[in-house]
Amino acid sequence: MPGMTTYAGFHKVRSPQKGEYVFVSAASSAVGQLVGQYAKLLGCYVVGSAGSKEKVDLLKNKFGFDDAFNYKEEHDLDMLL
């Protein structure tokens, strides 16, 4: 089911183009991981949010996200922009 959800949302609702920035909330979820990887395959810059340091490390080191942050530890999200 995550694959169909990802495909429909990513390709039918919003299909980013090469060079665009893609932000994935709940990026360590089954759907979030796939969205990030699809975006990377298209040549997008991908940033994800997750709820622990371990998940952030997983996103950056295993799933190839360009950047990721722990939303539970960031007190000023405006500063991240």
N, C-alpha and C. Protein backbone atom coordinates (compact mmCIF):
# COMPACT_ATOMS: atom_id res chain seq x y z
N MET A 1 0.79 -1.20 0.00
CA MET A 1 0.00 0.00 0.00
C MET A 1 0.84 1.28 0.00
N PRO A 2 1.98 1.34 0.71
CA PRO A 2 2.77 2.57 0.68
C PRO A 2 3.23 2.93 -0.73
N GLY A 3 3.52 1.93 -1.53
CA GLY A 3 3.97 2.20 -2.90
C GLY A 3 2.91 2.89 -3.73
N MET A 4 1.67 2.43 -3.63
CA MET A 4 0.58 3.05 -4.39
C MET A 4 0.29 4.46 -3.88
N THR A 5 0.33 4.64 -2.57
CA THR A 5 0.10 5.96 -1.98
C THR A 5 1.18 6.92 -2.45
N THR A 6 2.41 6.47 -2.41
CA THR A 6 3.53 7.31 -2.84
C THR A 6 3.40 7.67 -4.31
N TYR A 7 3.15 6.68 -5.14
CA TYR A 7 3.04 6.92 -6.58
C TYR A 7 1.95 7.92 -6.90
N ALA A 8 0.78 7.72 -6.33
CA ALA A 8 -0.35 8.61 -6.62
C ALA A 8 -0.06 10.03 -6.14
N GLY A 9 0.41 10.17 -4.93
CA GLY A 9 0.68 11.49 -4.39
C GLY A 9 1.83 12.19 -5.10
N PHE A 10 2.86 11.45 -5.41
CA PHE A 10 4.06 12.04 -5.99
C PHE A 10 3.89 12.36 -7.47
N HIS A 11 3.33 11.43 -8.22
CA HIS A 11 3.26 11.61 -9.67
C HIS A 11 1.93 12.20 -10.16
N LYS A 12 0.86 12.00 -9.43
CA LYS A 12 -0.44 12.49 -9.88
C LYS A 12 -0.82 13.84 -9.27
N VAL A 13 -0.49 14.04 -8.00
CA VAL A 13 -0.85 15.29 -7.32
C VAL A 13 0.21 16.35 -7.58
N ARG A 14 1.47 16.00 -7.37
CA ARG A 14 2.55 16.98 -7.52
C ARG A 14 3.77 16.25 -8.05
N SER A 15 4.22 16.57 -9.23
CA SER A 15 5.38 15.92 -9.82
C SER A 15 6.52 16.92 -9.94
N PRO A 16 7.43 16.94 -8.97
CA PRO A 16 8.52 17.91 -9.01
C PRO A 16 9.46 17.68 -10.18
N GLN A 17 10.13 18.73 -10.58
CA GLN A 17 11.06 18.67 -11.69
C GLN A 17 12.50 18.69 -11.17
N LYS A 18 13.42 18.30 -12.01
CA LYS A 18 14.84 18.28 -11.66
C LYS A 18 15.27 19.65 -11.14
N GLY A 19 16.01 19.64 -10.03
CA GLY A 19 16.53 20.87 -9.45
C GLY A 19 15.62 21.52 -8.42
N GLU A 20 14.39 21.06 -8.29
CA GLU A 20 13.49 21.64 -7.30
C GLU A 20 13.80 21.08 -5.92
N TYR A 21 13.37 21.82 -4.90
CA TYR A 21 13.51 21.39 -3.52
C TYR A 21 12.24 20.65 -3.11
N VAL A 22 12.44 19.51 -2.42
CA VAL A 22 11.31 18.72 -1.94
C VAL A 22 11.49 18.52 -0.44
N PHE A 23 10.47 18.92 0.34
CA PHE A 23 10.47 18.69 1.78
C PHE A 23 9.52 17.55 2.08
N VAL A 24 9.99 16.58 2.87
CA VAL A 24 9.18 15.42 3.23
C VAL A 24 9.00 15.41 4.75
N SER A 25 7.77 15.63 5.19
CA SER A 25 7.43 15.53 6.61
C SER A 25 7.23 14.05 6.93
N ALA A 26 7.58 13.64 8.13
CA ALA A 26 7.51 12.22 8.51
C ALA A 26 8.28 11.37 7.50
N ALA A 27 9.48 11.83 7.20
CA ALA A 27 10.28 11.22 6.14
C ALA A 27 10.74 9.80 6.43
N SER A 28 10.73 9.39 7.68
CA SER A 28 11.16 8.03 7.99
C SER A 28 10.01 7.02 7.92
N SER A 29 8.82 7.49 7.59
CA SER A 29 7.69 6.57 7.42
C SER A 29 7.84 5.80 6.11
N ALA A 30 7.03 4.78 5.93
CA ALA A 30 7.11 3.97 4.71
C ALA A 30 6.88 4.82 3.46
N VAL A 31 5.90 5.69 3.51
CA VAL A 31 5.61 6.56 2.36
C VAL A 31 6.69 7.64 2.23
N GLY A 32 7.08 8.24 3.34
CA GLY A 32 8.07 9.30 3.31
C GLY A 32 9.40 8.87 2.71
N GLN A 33 9.86 7.66 3.07
CA GLN A 33 11.10 7.14 2.52
C GLN A 33 11.03 7.02 1.00
N LEU A 34 9.92 6.52 0.51
CA LEU A 34 9.75 6.35 -0.93
C LEU A 34 9.66 7.69 -1.65
N VAL A 35 8.94 8.63 -1.09
CA VAL A 35 8.84 9.96 -1.70
C VAL A 35 10.23 10.58 -1.83
N GLY A 36 11.02 10.49 -0.78
CA GLY A 36 12.37 11.04 -0.82
C GLY A 36 13.23 10.38 -1.88
N GLN A 37 13.14 9.08 -2.00
CA GLN A 37 13.94 8.37 -2.98
C GLN A 37 13.47 8.66 -4.42
N TYR A 38 12.17 8.76 -4.64
CA TYR A 38 11.66 9.15 -5.97
C TYR A 38 12.17 10.54 -6.35
N ALA A 39 12.11 11.45 -5.38
CA ALA A 39 12.56 12.82 -5.64
C ALA A 39 14.05 12.85 -5.99
N LYS A 40 14.86 12.07 -5.28
CA LYS A 40 16.29 12.00 -5.58
C LYS A 40 16.52 11.44 -6.98
N LEU A 41 15.75 10.44 -7.36
CA LEU A 41 15.89 9.86 -8.71
C LEU A 41 15.58 10.89 -9.80
N LEU A 42 14.70 11.82 -9.50
CA LEU A 42 14.35 12.87 -10.45
C LEU A 42 15.35 14.03 -10.44
N GLY A 43 16.30 14.01 -9.50
CA GLY A 43 17.30 15.06 -9.43
C GLY A 43 16.92 16.24 -8.56
N CYS A 44 16.03 16.02 -7.61
CA CYS A 44 15.61 17.07 -6.69
C CYS A 44 16.53 17.11 -5.47
N TYR A 45 16.54 18.24 -4.77
CA TYR A 45 17.22 18.38 -3.49
C TYR A 45 16.19 18.04 -2.43
N VAL A 46 16.46 17.02 -1.62
CA VAL A 46 15.46 16.47 -0.71
C VAL A 46 15.85 16.69 0.75
N VAL A 47 14.92 17.28 1.52
CA VAL A 47 15.09 17.50 2.95
C VAL A 47 13.92 16.81 3.66
N GLY A 48 14.24 16.09 4.74
CA GLY A 48 13.20 15.40 5.47
C GLY A 48 13.22 15.72 6.95
N SER A 49 12.09 15.55 7.60
CA SER A 49 12.02 15.71 9.05
C SER A 49 11.66 14.37 9.67
N ALA A 50 12.24 14.12 10.84
CA ALA A 50 11.98 12.88 11.57
C ALA A 50 12.02 13.18 13.06
N GLY A 51 11.62 12.23 13.87
CA GLY A 51 11.47 12.46 15.30
C GLY A 51 12.59 11.97 16.19
N SER A 52 13.70 11.51 15.60
CA SER A 52 14.83 11.09 16.44
C SER A 52 16.13 11.21 15.65
N LYS A 53 17.24 11.24 16.39
CA LYS A 53 18.56 11.33 15.76
C LYS A 53 18.82 10.10 14.90
N GLU A 54 18.40 8.93 15.36
CA GLU A 54 18.61 7.69 14.62
C GLU A 54 17.89 7.73 13.27
N LYS A 55 16.67 8.25 13.27
CA LYS A 55 15.91 8.34 12.03
C LYS A 55 16.53 9.36 11.08
N VAL A 56 17.03 10.46 11.61
CA VAL A 56 17.70 11.46 10.78
C VAL A 56 18.93 10.84 10.12
N ASP A 57 19.72 10.10 10.90
CA ASP A 57 20.89 9.42 10.36
C ASP A 57 20.50 8.42 9.27
N LEU A 58 19.43 7.70 9.49
CA LEU A 58 18.94 6.74 8.50
C LEU A 58 18.57 7.45 7.20
N LEU A 59 17.87 8.56 7.29
CA LEU A 59 17.47 9.30 6.10
C LEU A 59 18.68 9.77 5.29
N LYS A 60 19.66 10.29 5.99
CA LYS A 60 20.82 10.86 5.30
C LYS A 60 21.79 9.80 4.80
N ASN A 61 21.99 8.74 5.58
CA ASN A 61 23.03 7.77 5.24
C ASN A 61 22.55 6.54 4.48
N LYS A 62 21.29 6.18 4.64
CA LYS A 62 20.79 4.99 3.94
C LYS A 62 19.87 5.34 2.78
N PHE A 63 19.00 6.34 2.99
CA PHE A 63 18.01 6.65 1.96
C PHE A 63 18.42 7.79 1.04
N GLY A 64 19.56 8.40 1.29
CA GLY A 64 20.12 9.38 0.36
C GLY A 64 19.51 10.77 0.39
N PHE A 65 18.81 11.13 1.46
CA PHE A 65 18.29 12.49 1.57
C PHE A 65 19.47 13.46 1.63
N ASP A 66 19.32 14.63 1.02
CA ASP A 66 20.39 15.63 1.05
C ASP A 66 20.57 16.21 2.45
N ASP A 67 19.48 16.36 3.15
CA ASP A 67 19.54 16.87 4.52
C ASP A 67 18.31 16.40 5.27
N ALA A 68 18.41 16.38 6.59
CA ALA A 68 17.30 15.98 7.44
C ALA A 68 17.51 16.60 8.82
N PHE A 69 16.41 16.76 9.54
CA PHE A 69 16.50 17.31 10.89
C PHE A 69 15.47 16.65 11.80
N ASN A 70 15.78 16.71 13.10
CA ASN A 70 14.89 16.16 14.12
C ASN A 70 13.96 17.29 14.57
N TYR A 71 12.71 17.20 14.21
CA TYR A 71 11.76 18.26 14.53
C TYR A 71 11.50 18.40 16.04
N LYS A 72 11.81 17.37 16.81
CA LYS A 72 11.62 17.44 18.25
C LYS A 72 12.72 18.25 18.94
N GLU A 73 13.86 18.38 18.29
CA GLU A 73 14.98 19.11 18.87
C GLU A 73 15.13 20.52 18.32
N GLU A 74 14.46 20.83 17.23
CA GLU A 74 14.56 22.17 16.63
C GLU A 74 13.51 23.07 17.25
N HIS A 75 13.97 24.15 17.88
CA HIS A 75 13.05 25.06 18.54
C HIS A 75 12.67 26.24 17.66
N ASP A 76 13.47 26.50 16.64
CA ASP A 76 13.21 27.62 15.75
C ASP A 76 13.32 27.15 14.30
N LEU A 77 12.21 26.65 13.76
CA LEU A 77 12.22 26.12 12.40
C LEU A 77 12.48 27.21 11.36
N ASP A 78 12.15 28.46 11.67
CA ASP A 78 12.43 29.56 10.75
C ASP A 78 13.94 29.69 10.52
N MET A 79 14.72 29.39 11.54
CA MET A 79 16.17 29.50 11.43
C MET A 79 16.74 28.47 10.44
N LEU A 80 16.06 27.35 10.28
CA LEU A 80 16.52 26.32 9.36
C LEU A 80 16.41 26.75 7.91
N LEU A 81 15.53 27.71 7.62
CA LEU A 81 15.35 28.16 6.26
C LEU A 81 16.51 29.02 5.89
